[in-house]
Amino acid sequence: MFVRFARDIDIYSLFILSRARECLRRILNALSSVKEEEPMSIKSILDHKISRKGFIRGMPAVAAAMAAAPAIQLAQTSAAVASETAEKKPGYYGAPRTWMWNPNANTMVDTSKWKKAGPYTIGFSNASISNAWRVAFQHGVLWSAGQHRDEIAHLLVTDANDDPSKQIADIQDLISQGVDILLIAASTEDALDSVVGRATEQGIPVVMVDRKVKTPANYITYVTASDWALGRLEAQWLCETLGGKGNIVMLPGIAGSSVAEIRIKANEEVFSKFPGIKVLEKQYCDWNPATGKSVMAALIQKHGKAIDGVLADSALQGYGAIEAFLDAGYKDGEFPPMTGGDVARMYQLANQHNIKMVGIDYPTSMGITGIETALDVLKGISVPDKVEVSFQVVTSPGADTVSVKGDRHLLDHVSMSDPGDLSPSNGLPAGYNPSTFNPDYPK
């Protein structure tokens, strides 16, 4: 319908625009021939190369063309959108890219020994759904399973509530139910290592996602985003923003989790290049907004204005830290530069209170990739031993540094009307709202 509307508009617009173009040409020629010393007036224009009659006759055509332009543009844009939508094939169109974008060499794993006929039963052991990131991540797993219901008979899901002992029991229970493959997000890399190894020894393939265990031989592949790159980029941005000197505090996630510990090592690599940067304190915040707020409040009370920068490895504790600064009486523009990412709330607070920040989303869309990778294993398709899902760097206006520039700016990434608990890099259908999303999947 939009295409037909655009064509009908074009028949009319071509006539109007052709008349307007000639008249505008004459008017512009007349304007260019008016001498600089002559007063610019209708009379001086009419005295040069265009008759009064031509000017008067031409103006309605110009006016009509100007009036028609928005409708023409709308019709043509709508037609283009309709055409693009019609040509778009099903699939994932979000920002994070596939493992093929990993700049490092991939070691491909031959999965032919795990090849079997479907439909399959997949066991998904999640560390928890204790924060907004983990909820969106699980939504991705469930939604992706629903998209592959012709290949998946059952997706069995457990929630360890961030308790390693419970997660060990969860995995053992999934094994007893005869799953074809395990998809595991480990609460900690040491505590889960043995049970994951036992599953592999029993002939059950294991795909780690989000967080891994300590021994690579205990699983086939690990679906993640580069915590090394994330940690280096956020630290480099903060050091450059501070001009290479200043006092900072570090707010990492959960002690002992592979994600948090790798990011800390990556941060420290960068700090070693900046002798003027001093880490006042490092306090784990469990990727929890309330913990981030209470920890930051105590640090503000102890160090006050001596804190020049805050390195939070996620917005989960990052926006809690902003709330602590607000409670301490900091005004817009007085906040130290901060890092974070993953949820909309921090981006929104940074915009609202004029805070310099860089956000690097650890994409919750890796849950979608996790299901797709598990299916590849069961179909005997070779997979890399590490599946890297890439991320975007997001900066507040004017916050780019020499080395770290935003792939997109803050309000291009989220809007002020988005749900605060939204994970922007979710890979889910447009309009995704974590509070109302109820994915249909094969239970």
Foldseek 3Di string as FASTA:
>chain_A
DLQVVLVVLVVVLVVLVVLLVVLVVQQVVLVVPQDPPDDDDPVSSCVGRHHPVSNVVNVVSNVVNVVSVVVNVVSVVVVVVVVVVVPDDDDFDFDWDWLVPPPDDFDKDFLQVLADADLFEEEEEELACPALLSLLLVLLLQQLQAVVCVNHQYYHYDGNHLDLVSSLVSLVVVVVVPGSAYEYAHSAQASCQVSLQVCVVVVHAYEYECFHHDDLVSHQAYEFADLLVLLQQQLVLQCQLVVLAAEAEEEFADPRTPSRVNSVVSNVVNNVVRVRYHYPYYDYQNLALCSLLVVLLVVCVVQNPRHQEYEYSAVSSVLSNVVNVVVVPDAQPRDHAYEHAFWLQNLLSCVVRVHWYKYKHGASNSSSVSNVVVVCSNNRHMDTRYMHTYIWIETAPPSAGPVRDGPYYSCVQDPNPAPRSDGSRSSDDPPDDSVPDDRDRND
